[in-house]
Amino acid sequence: MGRRSKSDELGLGQRIVDMHDTEKMTHSEISEQLKDEGMDVSREAVRRSYLNSMKQAGRYRMAAESCRQIIDMVKDGSNLDMIEAINSIITGKLYDQIMAMDDFGLDDPKAVVKAITSAGSTQVKIAQFRLNFDKGVQKAKSVIYDELAEKLSDMPEVLDVIAKVISEAKVTE
């Protein structure tokens, strides 16, 4: 790992961001201000510190957005929805990483392919599970209705109410 920047060693990252964003100072002005305060930090060090802070802030924003996506996807849903949402986000991040690569000179490119394959396979399994679950629910509703129709053949009004309740019943995984 490389040497820490002077601004990081001095704990100036947040101060540099505040001076730039709040006080609207340029990198040169920030460097001069810090030199006046006895800290020898170049304009280039200020620029690098600011850019690194912005990159970190971007990563935090992306993480927060991913969390919001998961929450939106699983709100009033099931654990299966949450697994599907997380898998979808992981697959998207793998795709983004691959698209951002300049070359494929990785230590183990098979690991990348395996991760993508695994994420895709998980997505297929989730879809199959959901389909089987939905078929099972429909079959159970049908069996219940048939049994009740036989027992309540002389009470069609009651059977109609029960049929409506059965058809509108929401079952989650």
N, C-alpha and C. Protein backbone atom coordinates (compact mmCIF):
# COMPACT_ATOMS: atom_id res chain seq x y z
N MET A 1 0.85 -1.18 0.00
CA MET A 1 0.00 0.00 0.00
C MET A 1 0.89 1.24 0.00
N GLY A 2 0.48 2.26 -0.70
CA GLY A 2 1.28 3.47 -0.86
C GLY A 2 1.25 4.35 0.37
N ARG A 3 2.11 5.34 0.32
CA ARG A 3 2.21 6.31 1.39
C ARG A 3 0.96 7.17 1.41
N ARG A 4 0.52 7.53 2.61
CA ARG A 4 -0.64 8.41 2.73
C ARG A 4 -0.25 9.82 2.31
N SER A 5 -1.22 10.52 1.78
CA SER A 5 -0.96 11.90 1.36
C SER A 5 -0.78 12.79 2.59
N LYS A 6 -0.10 13.90 2.38
CA LYS A 6 0.16 14.82 3.48
C LYS A 6 -1.15 15.34 4.08
N SER A 7 -2.12 15.62 3.21
CA SER A 7 -3.40 16.13 3.72
C SER A 7 -4.10 15.07 4.57
N ASP A 8 -3.96 13.79 4.20
CA ASP A 8 -4.55 12.71 5.00
C ASP A 8 -3.81 12.58 6.33
N GLU A 9 -2.48 12.65 6.27
CA GLU A 9 -1.68 12.55 7.50
C GLU A 9 -2.05 13.66 8.48
N LEU A 10 -2.36 14.82 7.96
CA LEU A 10 -2.71 15.96 8.80
C LEU A 10 -4.21 15.99 9.14
N GLY A 11 -4.97 15.06 8.59
CA GLY A 11 -6.41 15.01 8.87
C GLY A 11 -7.18 16.18 8.28
N LEU A 12 -6.80 16.58 7.08
CA LEU A 12 -7.39 17.78 6.46
C LEU A 12 -8.46 17.48 5.41
N GLY A 13 -8.75 16.22 5.15
CA GLY A 13 -9.68 15.87 4.07
C GLY A 13 -11.00 16.61 4.14
N GLN A 14 -11.68 16.53 5.27
CA GLN A 14 -12.99 17.17 5.40
C GLN A 14 -12.86 18.68 5.36
N ARG A 15 -11.80 19.19 5.95
CA ARG A 15 -11.60 20.65 5.95
C ARG A 15 -11.40 21.15 4.52
N ILE A 16 -10.64 20.42 3.72
CA ILE A 16 -10.42 20.81 2.32
C ILE A 16 -11.73 20.82 1.56
N VAL A 17 -12.55 19.78 1.78
CA VAL A 17 -13.87 19.72 1.12
C VAL A 17 -14.72 20.91 1.54
N ASP A 18 -14.73 21.21 2.84
CA ASP A 18 -15.53 22.34 3.33
C ASP A 18 -15.04 23.67 2.75
N MET A 19 -13.71 23.85 2.71
CA MET A 19 -13.17 25.09 2.17
C MET A 19 -13.52 25.23 0.68
N HIS A 20 -13.50 24.12 -0.03
CA HIS A 20 -13.80 24.17 -1.47
C HIS A 20 -15.30 24.37 -1.70
N ASP A 21 -16.12 23.55 -1.04
CA ASP A 21 -17.57 23.56 -1.32
C ASP A 21 -18.32 24.67 -0.60
N THR A 22 -17.99 24.92 0.66
CA THR A 22 -18.73 25.91 1.43
C THR A 22 -18.17 27.32 1.23
N GLU A 23 -16.85 27.40 1.34
CA GLU A 23 -16.23 28.73 1.23
C GLU A 23 -15.89 29.08 -0.21
N LYS A 24 -16.11 28.15 -1.14
CA LYS A 24 -15.90 28.36 -2.57
C LYS A 24 -14.46 28.78 -2.90
N MET A 25 -13.51 28.20 -2.17
CA MET A 25 -12.11 28.50 -2.41
C MET A 25 -11.56 27.56 -3.49
N THR A 26 -10.60 28.05 -4.26
CA THR A 26 -9.94 27.21 -5.26
C THR A 26 -8.89 26.36 -4.56
N HIS A 27 -8.36 25.37 -5.28
CA HIS A 27 -7.33 24.52 -4.70
C HIS A 27 -6.09 25.34 -4.32
N SER A 28 -5.74 26.29 -5.16
CA SER A 28 -4.58 27.16 -4.87
C SER A 28 -4.84 27.99 -3.61
N GLU A 29 -6.03 28.54 -3.50
CA GLU A 29 -6.37 29.36 -2.32
C GLU A 29 -6.36 28.52 -1.05
N ILE A 30 -6.84 27.29 -1.15
CA ILE A 30 -6.84 26.40 0.02
C ILE A 30 -5.39 26.11 0.42
N SER A 31 -4.55 25.80 -0.56
CA SER A 31 -3.15 25.51 -0.29
C SER A 31 -2.48 26.70 0.40
N GLU A 32 -2.74 27.90 -0.11
CA GLU A 32 -2.15 29.11 0.48
C GLU A 32 -2.65 29.32 1.91
N GLN A 33 -3.95 29.12 2.13
CA GLN A 33 -4.54 29.28 3.47
C GLN A 33 -3.88 28.31 4.46
N LEU A 34 -3.71 27.07 4.03
CA LEU A 34 -3.10 26.06 4.90
C LEU A 34 -1.62 26.39 5.16
N LYS A 35 -0.93 26.90 4.16
CA LYS A 35 0.47 27.30 4.35
C LYS A 35 0.56 28.46 5.35
N ASP A 36 -0.41 29.39 5.27
CA ASP A 36 -0.44 30.51 6.22
C ASP A 36 -0.65 30.00 7.65
N GLU A 37 -1.30 28.84 7.78
CA GLU A 37 -1.55 28.25 9.10
C GLU A 37 -0.42 27.30 9.52
N GLY A 38 0.63 27.24 8.70
CA GLY A 38 1.80 26.45 9.07
C GLY A 38 1.81 25.03 8.55
N MET A 39 0.93 24.71 7.63
CA MET A 39 0.88 23.36 7.07
C MET A 39 1.31 23.44 5.62
N ASP A 40 2.39 22.74 5.29
CA ASP A 40 2.94 22.81 3.94
C ASP A 40 2.23 21.77 3.07
N VAL A 41 1.11 22.17 2.46
CA VAL A 41 0.31 21.29 1.60
C VAL A 41 0.21 21.96 0.24
N SER A 42 0.68 21.26 -0.78
CA SER A 42 0.68 21.84 -2.13
C SER A 42 -0.72 21.88 -2.73
N ARG A 43 -0.85 22.68 -3.79
CA ARG A 43 -2.12 22.74 -4.52
C ARG A 43 -2.48 21.36 -5.05
N GLU A 44 -1.51 20.63 -5.55
CA GLU A 44 -1.76 19.29 -6.09
C GLU A 44 -2.24 18.33 -5.00
N ALA A 45 -1.67 18.44 -3.80
CA ALA A 45 -2.11 17.60 -2.68
C ALA A 45 -3.55 17.94 -2.30
N VAL A 46 -3.88 19.21 -2.34
CA VAL A 46 -5.25 19.65 -2.06
C VAL A 46 -6.19 19.06 -3.11
N ARG A 47 -5.79 19.16 -4.38
CA ARG A 47 -6.62 18.64 -5.47
C ARG A 47 -6.85 17.14 -5.31
N ARG A 48 -5.76 16.38 -5.04
CA ARG A 48 -5.89 14.93 -4.87
C ARG A 48 -6.79 14.59 -3.68
N SER A 49 -6.61 15.31 -2.59
CA SER A 49 -7.43 15.07 -1.40
C SER A 49 -8.91 15.33 -1.70
N TYR A 50 -9.17 16.42 -2.40
CA TYR A 50 -10.56 16.76 -2.75
C TYR A 50 -11.16 15.67 -3.65
N LEU A 51 -10.41 15.26 -4.68
CA LEU A 51 -10.91 14.22 -5.60
C LEU A 51 -11.14 12.90 -4.87
N ASN A 52 -10.22 12.52 -3.99
CA ASN A 52 -10.40 11.28 -3.22
C ASN A 52 -11.64 11.36 -2.34
N SER A 53 -11.86 12.51 -1.73
CA SER A 53 -13.05 12.70 -0.89
C SER A 53 -14.32 12.59 -1.72
N MET A 54 -14.30 13.17 -2.93
CA MET A 54 -15.46 13.10 -3.81
C MET A 54 -15.71 11.66 -4.26
N LYS A 55 -14.64 10.90 -4.55
CA LYS A 55 -14.81 9.49 -4.93
C LYS A 55 -15.42 8.71 -3.78
N GLN A 56 -14.92 8.94 -2.56
CA GLN A 56 -15.46 8.24 -1.39
C GLN A 56 -16.92 8.61 -1.18
N ALA A 57 -17.24 9.88 -1.33
CA ALA A 57 -18.63 10.32 -1.19
C ALA A 57 -19.51 9.64 -2.24
N GLY A 58 -18.98 9.51 -3.46
CA GLY A 58 -19.71 8.81 -4.52
C GLY A 58 -19.97 7.36 -4.17
N ARG A 59 -18.97 6.70 -3.58
CA ARG A 59 -19.17 5.30 -3.16
C ARG A 59 -20.23 5.21 -2.07
N TYR A 60 -20.21 6.17 -1.13
CA TYR A 60 -21.24 6.17 -0.08
C TYR A 60 -22.63 6.40 -0.67
N ARG A 61 -22.72 7.31 -1.66
CA ARG A 61 -24.02 7.56 -2.30
C ARG A 61 -24.51 6.30 -3.01
N MET A 62 -23.59 5.60 -3.71
CA MET A 62 -23.99 4.38 -4.41
C MET A 62 -24.45 3.31 -3.42
N ALA A 63 -23.76 3.19 -2.29
CA ALA A 63 -24.15 2.22 -1.27
C ALA A 63 -25.53 2.59 -0.70
N ALA A 64 -25.74 3.86 -0.45
CA ALA A 64 -27.04 4.30 0.07
C ALA A 64 -28.14 4.03 -0.95
N GLU A 65 -27.86 4.28 -2.23
CA GLU A 65 -28.86 4.03 -3.28
C GLU A 65 -29.16 2.53 -3.37
N SER A 66 -28.13 1.71 -3.25
CA SER A 66 -28.35 0.25 -3.28
C SER A 66 -29.24 -0.17 -2.12
N CYS A 67 -29.00 0.40 -0.95
CA CYS A 67 -29.84 0.08 0.21
C CYS A 67 -31.28 0.52 -0.03
N ARG A 68 -31.46 1.71 -0.60
CA ARG A 68 -32.82 2.18 -0.90
C ARG A 68 -33.50 1.26 -1.90
N GLN A 69 -32.75 0.79 -2.90
CA GLN A 69 -33.32 -0.13 -3.89
C GLN A 69 -33.77 -1.43 -3.22
N ILE A 70 -32.94 -1.95 -2.35
CA ILE A 70 -33.30 -3.19 -1.65
C ILE A 70 -34.55 -2.97 -0.82
N ILE A 71 -34.58 -1.86 -0.08
CA ILE A 71 -35.74 -1.59 0.77
C ILE A 71 -37.00 -1.43 -0.08
N ASP A 72 -36.90 -0.71 -1.19
CA ASP A 72 -38.07 -0.54 -2.07
C ASP A 72 -38.53 -1.88 -2.65
N MET A 73 -37.58 -2.74 -3.00
CA MET A 73 -37.94 -4.02 -3.62
C MET A 73 -38.57 -5.00 -2.62
N VAL A 74 -38.17 -4.92 -1.35
CA VAL A 74 -38.66 -5.91 -0.40
C VAL A 74 -39.74 -5.37 0.53
N LYS A 75 -40.05 -4.09 0.38
CA LYS A 75 -41.10 -3.52 1.20
C LYS A 75 -42.39 -4.33 1.01
N ASP A 76 -42.97 -4.76 2.10
CA ASP A 76 -44.20 -5.56 2.06
C ASP A 76 -44.03 -6.81 1.21
N GLY A 77 -42.83 -7.30 1.11
CA GLY A 77 -42.58 -8.49 0.31
C GLY A 77 -42.05 -9.62 1.16
N SER A 78 -41.37 -10.52 0.51
CA SER A 78 -40.89 -11.71 1.18
C SER A 78 -39.37 -11.71 1.24
N ASN A 79 -38.85 -12.70 1.95
CA ASN A 79 -37.40 -12.88 2.00
C ASN A 79 -36.88 -13.21 0.60
N LEU A 80 -37.66 -13.90 -0.19
CA LEU A 80 -37.25 -14.23 -1.54
C LEU A 80 -37.06 -12.95 -2.36
N ASP A 81 -37.92 -11.97 -2.15
CA ASP A 81 -37.77 -10.68 -2.83
C ASP A 81 -36.45 -10.03 -2.44
N MET A 82 -36.10 -10.12 -1.15
CA MET A 82 -34.86 -9.52 -0.69
C MET A 82 -33.65 -10.22 -1.31
N ILE A 83 -33.67 -11.53 -1.35
CA ILE A 83 -32.58 -12.29 -1.96
C ILE A 83 -32.46 -11.92 -3.43
N GLU A 84 -33.58 -11.82 -4.10
CA GLU A 84 -33.57 -11.47 -5.52
C GLU A 84 -33.03 -10.05 -5.73
N ALA A 85 -33.42 -9.12 -4.87
CA ALA A 85 -32.94 -7.74 -4.99
C ALA A 85 -31.43 -7.67 -4.76
N ILE A 86 -30.96 -8.33 -3.74
CA ILE A 86 -29.52 -8.32 -3.44
C ILE A 86 -28.75 -8.97 -4.58
N ASN A 87 -29.24 -10.10 -5.07
CA ASN A 87 -28.57 -10.78 -6.18
C ASN A 87 -28.53 -9.90 -7.42
N SER A 88 -29.61 -9.19 -7.67
CA SER A 88 -29.67 -8.30 -8.82
C SER A 88 -28.62 -7.18 -8.70
N ILE A 89 -28.48 -6.62 -7.52
CA ILE A 89 -27.51 -5.55 -7.30
C ILE A 89 -26.09 -6.09 -7.45
N ILE A 90 -25.82 -7.28 -6.89
CA ILE A 90 -24.49 -7.88 -7.01
C ILE A 90 -24.16 -8.16 -8.48
N THR A 91 -25.13 -8.70 -9.21
CA THR A 91 -24.91 -8.97 -10.63
C THR A 91 -24.61 -7.67 -11.38
N GLY A 92 -25.33 -6.62 -11.07
CA GLY A 92 -25.09 -5.32 -11.71
C GLY A 92 -23.71 -4.78 -11.38
N LYS A 93 -23.28 -4.93 -10.14
CA LYS A 93 -21.95 -4.46 -9.76
C LYS A 93 -20.86 -5.27 -10.45
N LEU A 94 -21.05 -6.59 -10.57
CA LEU A 94 -20.08 -7.41 -11.31
C LEU A 94 -19.99 -6.94 -12.76
N TYR A 95 -21.13 -6.68 -13.36
CA TYR A 95 -21.17 -6.21 -14.74
C TYR A 95 -20.43 -4.87 -14.86
N ASP A 96 -20.71 -3.96 -13.92
CA ASP A 96 -20.05 -2.65 -13.96
C ASP A 96 -18.53 -2.80 -13.83
N GLN A 97 -18.10 -3.69 -12.94
CA GLN A 97 -16.66 -3.91 -12.76
C GLN A 97 -16.02 -4.42 -14.05
N ILE A 98 -16.67 -5.36 -14.69
CA ILE A 98 -16.12 -5.92 -15.92
C ILE A 98 -16.07 -4.86 -17.01
N MET A 99 -17.11 -4.06 -17.13
CA MET A 99 -17.15 -3.02 -18.15
C MET A 99 -16.10 -1.94 -17.89
N ALA A 100 -15.72 -1.75 -16.62
CA ALA A 100 -14.74 -0.71 -16.28
C ALA A 100 -13.30 -1.20 -16.43
N MET A 101 -13.10 -2.47 -16.65
CA MET A 101 -11.74 -3.00 -16.76
C MET A 101 -11.08 -2.55 -18.05
N ASP A 102 -9.82 -2.13 -17.92
CA ASP A 102 -9.04 -1.77 -19.09
C ASP A 102 -8.52 -3.02 -19.79
N ASP A 103 -8.18 -4.01 -19.00
CA ASP A 103 -7.73 -5.28 -19.58
C ASP A 103 -8.17 -6.40 -18.66
N PHE A 104 -8.01 -7.60 -19.13
CA PHE A 104 -8.42 -8.75 -18.35
C PHE A 104 -7.22 -9.47 -17.77
N GLY A 105 -6.17 -8.75 -17.46
CA GLY A 105 -4.97 -9.33 -16.88
C GLY A 105 -5.17 -9.57 -15.39
N LEU A 106 -6.20 -10.29 -15.04
CA LEU A 106 -6.50 -10.57 -13.64
C LEU A 106 -5.69 -11.76 -13.16
N ASP A 107 -5.51 -11.84 -11.86
CA ASP A 107 -4.82 -13.00 -11.29
C ASP A 107 -5.60 -14.27 -11.58
N ASP A 108 -6.93 -14.18 -11.47
CA ASP A 108 -7.75 -15.36 -11.69
C ASP A 108 -9.03 -14.99 -12.43
N PRO A 109 -8.96 -14.88 -13.75
CA PRO A 109 -10.17 -14.50 -14.51
C PRO A 109 -11.28 -15.54 -14.37
N LYS A 110 -10.92 -16.79 -14.06
CA LYS A 110 -11.94 -17.82 -13.87
C LYS A 110 -12.84 -17.48 -12.68
N ALA A 111 -12.27 -16.83 -11.68
CA ALA A 111 -13.07 -16.44 -10.51
C ALA A 111 -14.14 -15.42 -10.89
N VAL A 112 -13.81 -14.50 -11.79
CA VAL A 112 -14.80 -13.51 -12.25
C VAL A 112 -15.92 -14.21 -13.00
N VAL A 113 -15.54 -15.09 -13.91
CA VAL A 113 -16.54 -15.82 -14.69
C VAL A 113 -17.40 -16.68 -13.76
N LYS A 114 -16.79 -17.31 -12.79
CA LYS A 114 -17.53 -18.15 -11.84
C LYS A 114 -18.52 -17.31 -11.03
N ALA A 115 -18.10 -16.12 -10.61
CA ALA A 115 -18.99 -15.24 -9.85
C ALA A 115 -20.19 -14.81 -10.68
N ILE A 116 -19.94 -14.47 -11.93
CA ILE A 116 -21.05 -14.05 -12.81
C ILE A 116 -21.99 -15.23 -13.06
N THR A 117 -21.41 -16.40 -13.31
CA THR A 117 -22.22 -17.59 -13.54
C THR A 117 -23.06 -17.91 -12.31
N SER A 118 -22.46 -17.81 -11.15
CA SER A 118 -23.17 -18.09 -9.91
C SER A 118 -24.33 -17.12 -9.70
N ALA A 119 -24.08 -15.83 -9.97
CA ALA A 119 -25.14 -14.83 -9.81
C ALA A 119 -26.29 -15.11 -10.78
N GLY A 120 -25.95 -15.44 -12.02
CA GLY A 120 -27.00 -15.77 -13.00
C GLY A 120 -27.77 -17.02 -12.61
N SER A 121 -27.06 -18.03 -12.15
CA SER A 121 -27.70 -19.28 -11.72
C SER A 121 -28.64 -19.04 -10.54
N THR A 122 -28.21 -18.19 -9.62
CA THR A 122 -29.06 -17.86 -8.47
C THR A 122 -30.34 -17.19 -8.94
N GLN A 123 -30.23 -16.31 -9.91
CA GLN A 123 -31.41 -15.61 -10.45
C GLN A 123 -32.39 -16.61 -11.05
N VAL A 124 -31.88 -17.60 -11.79
CA VAL A 124 -32.72 -18.62 -12.40
C VAL A 124 -33.40 -19.46 -11.32
N LYS A 125 -32.66 -19.84 -10.30
CA LYS A 125 -33.23 -20.65 -9.21
C LYS A 125 -34.32 -19.89 -8.48
N ILE A 126 -34.11 -18.60 -8.27
CA ILE A 126 -35.14 -17.78 -7.61
C ILE A 126 -36.41 -17.76 -8.46
N ALA A 127 -36.26 -17.56 -9.76
CA ALA A 127 -37.42 -17.53 -10.66
C ALA A 127 -38.14 -18.88 -10.65
N GLN A 128 -37.39 -19.97 -10.65
CA GLN A 128 -38.01 -21.30 -10.61
C GLN A 128 -38.75 -21.52 -9.29
N PHE A 129 -38.12 -21.12 -8.19
CA PHE A 129 -38.76 -21.26 -6.89
C PHE A 129 -40.06 -20.46 -6.84
N ARG A 130 -40.01 -19.23 -7.33
CA ARG A 130 -41.20 -18.38 -7.32
C ARG A 130 -42.32 -18.98 -8.17
N LEU A 131 -41.96 -19.50 -9.35
CA LEU A 131 -42.94 -20.12 -10.23
C LEU A 131 -43.57 -21.35 -9.56
N ASN A 132 -42.75 -22.21 -8.97
CA ASN A 132 -43.26 -23.39 -8.28
C ASN A 132 -44.14 -23.01 -7.08
N PHE A 133 -43.72 -21.98 -6.37
CA PHE A 133 -44.51 -21.52 -5.24
C PHE A 133 -45.88 -21.04 -5.70
N ASP A 134 -45.89 -20.21 -6.74
CA ASP A 134 -47.16 -19.68 -7.27
C ASP A 134 -48.07 -20.80 -7.76
N LYS A 135 -47.49 -21.80 -8.43
CA LYS A 135 -48.28 -22.96 -8.89
C LYS A 135 -48.87 -23.70 -7.70
N GLY A 136 -48.08 -23.87 -6.64
CA GLY A 136 -48.56 -24.56 -5.44
C GLY A 136 -49.69 -23.82 -4.77
N VAL A 137 -49.57 -22.50 -4.71
CA VAL A 137 -50.63 -21.68 -4.10
C VAL A 137 -51.91 -21.81 -4.92
N GLN A 138 -51.81 -21.71 -6.24
CA GLN A 138 -53.00 -21.84 -7.09
C GLN A 138 -53.64 -23.22 -6.94
N LYS A 139 -52.82 -24.26 -6.88
CA LYS A 139 -53.33 -25.62 -6.71
C LYS A 139 -54.06 -25.75 -5.38
N ALA A 140 -53.46 -25.21 -4.30
CA ALA A 140 -54.09 -25.27 -2.99
C ALA A 140 -55.42 -24.52 -2.98
N LYS A 141 -55.45 -23.35 -3.59
CA LYS A 141 -56.70 -22.59 -3.67
C LYS A 141 -57.77 -23.38 -4.41
N SER A 142 -57.38 -24.04 -5.48
CA SER A 142 -58.31 -24.83 -6.28
C SER A 142 -58.87 -26.00 -5.48
N VAL A 143 -58.00 -26.70 -4.77
CA VAL A 143 -58.43 -27.85 -3.96
C VAL A 143 -59.38 -27.39 -2.87
N ILE A 144 -59.03 -26.30 -2.19
CA ILE A 144 -59.90 -25.77 -1.12
C ILE A 144 -61.26 -25.40 -1.69
N TYR A 145 -61.28 -24.70 -2.81
CA TYR A 145 -62.55 -24.31 -3.41
C TYR A 145 -63.38 -25.53 -3.79
N ASP A 146 -62.75 -26.53 -4.42
CA ASP A 146 -63.48 -27.73 -4.84
C ASP A 146 -64.09 -28.44 -3.64
N GLU A 147 -63.33 -28.55 -2.57
CA GLU A 147 -63.84 -29.21 -1.35
C GLU A 147 -65.02 -28.44 -0.77
N LEU A 148 -64.87 -27.12 -0.71
CA LEU A 148 -65.96 -26.30 -0.16
C LEU A 148 -67.18 -26.31 -1.09
N ALA A 149 -66.96 -26.33 -2.38
CA ALA A 149 -68.08 -26.35 -3.33
C ALA A 149 -68.90 -27.62 -3.13
N GLU A 150 -68.24 -28.71 -2.88
CA GLU A 150 -68.93 -29.98 -2.64
C GLU A 150 -69.73 -29.92 -1.34
N LYS A 151 -69.13 -29.36 -0.29
CA LYS A 151 -69.79 -29.31 1.03
C LYS A 151 -70.89 -28.25 1.09
N LEU A 152 -70.72 -27.19 0.32
CA LEU A 152 -71.67 -26.07 0.40
C LEU A 152 -72.52 -25.95 -0.86
N SER A 153 -72.78 -27.04 -1.51
CA SER A 153 -73.55 -27.00 -2.76
C SER A 153 -74.96 -26.44 -2.56
N ASP A 154 -75.49 -26.58 -1.36
CA ASP A 154 -76.84 -26.06 -1.10
C ASP A 154 -76.82 -24.62 -0.58
N MET A 155 -75.64 -23.98 -0.51
CA MET A 155 -75.53 -22.59 -0.05
C MET A 155 -74.68 -21.78 -1.04
N PRO A 156 -75.22 -21.50 -2.22
CA PRO A 156 -74.43 -20.83 -3.25
C PRO A 156 -73.95 -19.43 -2.86
N GLU A 157 -74.73 -18.71 -2.03
CA GLU A 157 -74.31 -17.36 -1.64
C GLU A 157 -73.04 -17.42 -0.77
N VAL A 158 -73.03 -18.37 0.15
CA VAL A 158 -71.87 -18.54 1.02
C VAL A 158 -70.66 -18.96 0.18
N LEU A 159 -70.89 -19.88 -0.75
CA LEU A 159 -69.82 -20.36 -1.61
C LEU A 159 -69.24 -19.21 -2.45
N ASP A 160 -70.09 -18.31 -2.92
CA ASP A 160 -69.61 -17.16 -3.69
C ASP A 160 -68.70 -16.26 -2.85
N VAL A 161 -69.09 -16.01 -1.60
CA VAL A 161 -68.28 -15.18 -0.71
C VAL A 161 -66.93 -15.87 -0.45
N ILE A 162 -66.98 -17.17 -0.17
CA ILE A 162 -65.74 -17.91 0.10
C ILE A 162 -64.85 -17.94 -1.15
N ALA A 163 -65.45 -18.12 -2.31
CA ALA A 163 -64.67 -18.14 -3.55
C ALA A 163 -63.96 -16.81 -3.76
N LYS A 164 -64.64 -15.71 -3.44
CA LYS A 164 -64.03 -14.39 -3.58
C LYS A 164 -62.86 -14.23 -2.60
N VAL A 165 -63.06 -14.70 -1.36
CA VAL A 165 -62.00 -14.61 -0.36
C VAL A 165 -60.79 -15.43 -0.80
N ILE A 166 -61.03 -16.63 -1.30
CA ILE A 166 -59.94 -17.50 -1.74
C ILE A 166 -59.19 -16.86 -2.92
N SER A 167 -59.92 -16.35 -3.88
CA SER A 167 -59.26 -15.78 -5.07
C SER A 167 -58.46 -14.51 -4.73
N GLU A 168 -58.91 -13.75 -3.73
CA GLU A 168 -58.23 -12.51 -3.38
C GLU A 168 -57.14 -12.70 -2.33
N ALA A 169 -57.05 -13.88 -1.75
CA ALA A 169 -56.06 -14.13 -0.70
C ALA A 169 -54.65 -13.99 -1.27
N LYS A 170 -53.81 -13.23 -0.57
CA LYS A 170 -52.42 -13.02 -0.97
C LYS A 170 -51.55 -13.90 -0.08
N VAL A 171 -50.73 -14.71 -0.72
CA VAL A 171 -49.83 -15.59 -0.01
C VAL A 171 -48.40 -15.22 -0.42
N THR A 172 -47.54 -14.98 0.57
CA THR A 172 -46.15 -14.65 0.25
C THR A 172 -45.25 -15.81 0.64
N GLU A 173 -44.09 -15.83 0.03
CA GLU A 173 -43.13 -16.91 0.27
C GLU A 173 -42.69 -16.95 1.70
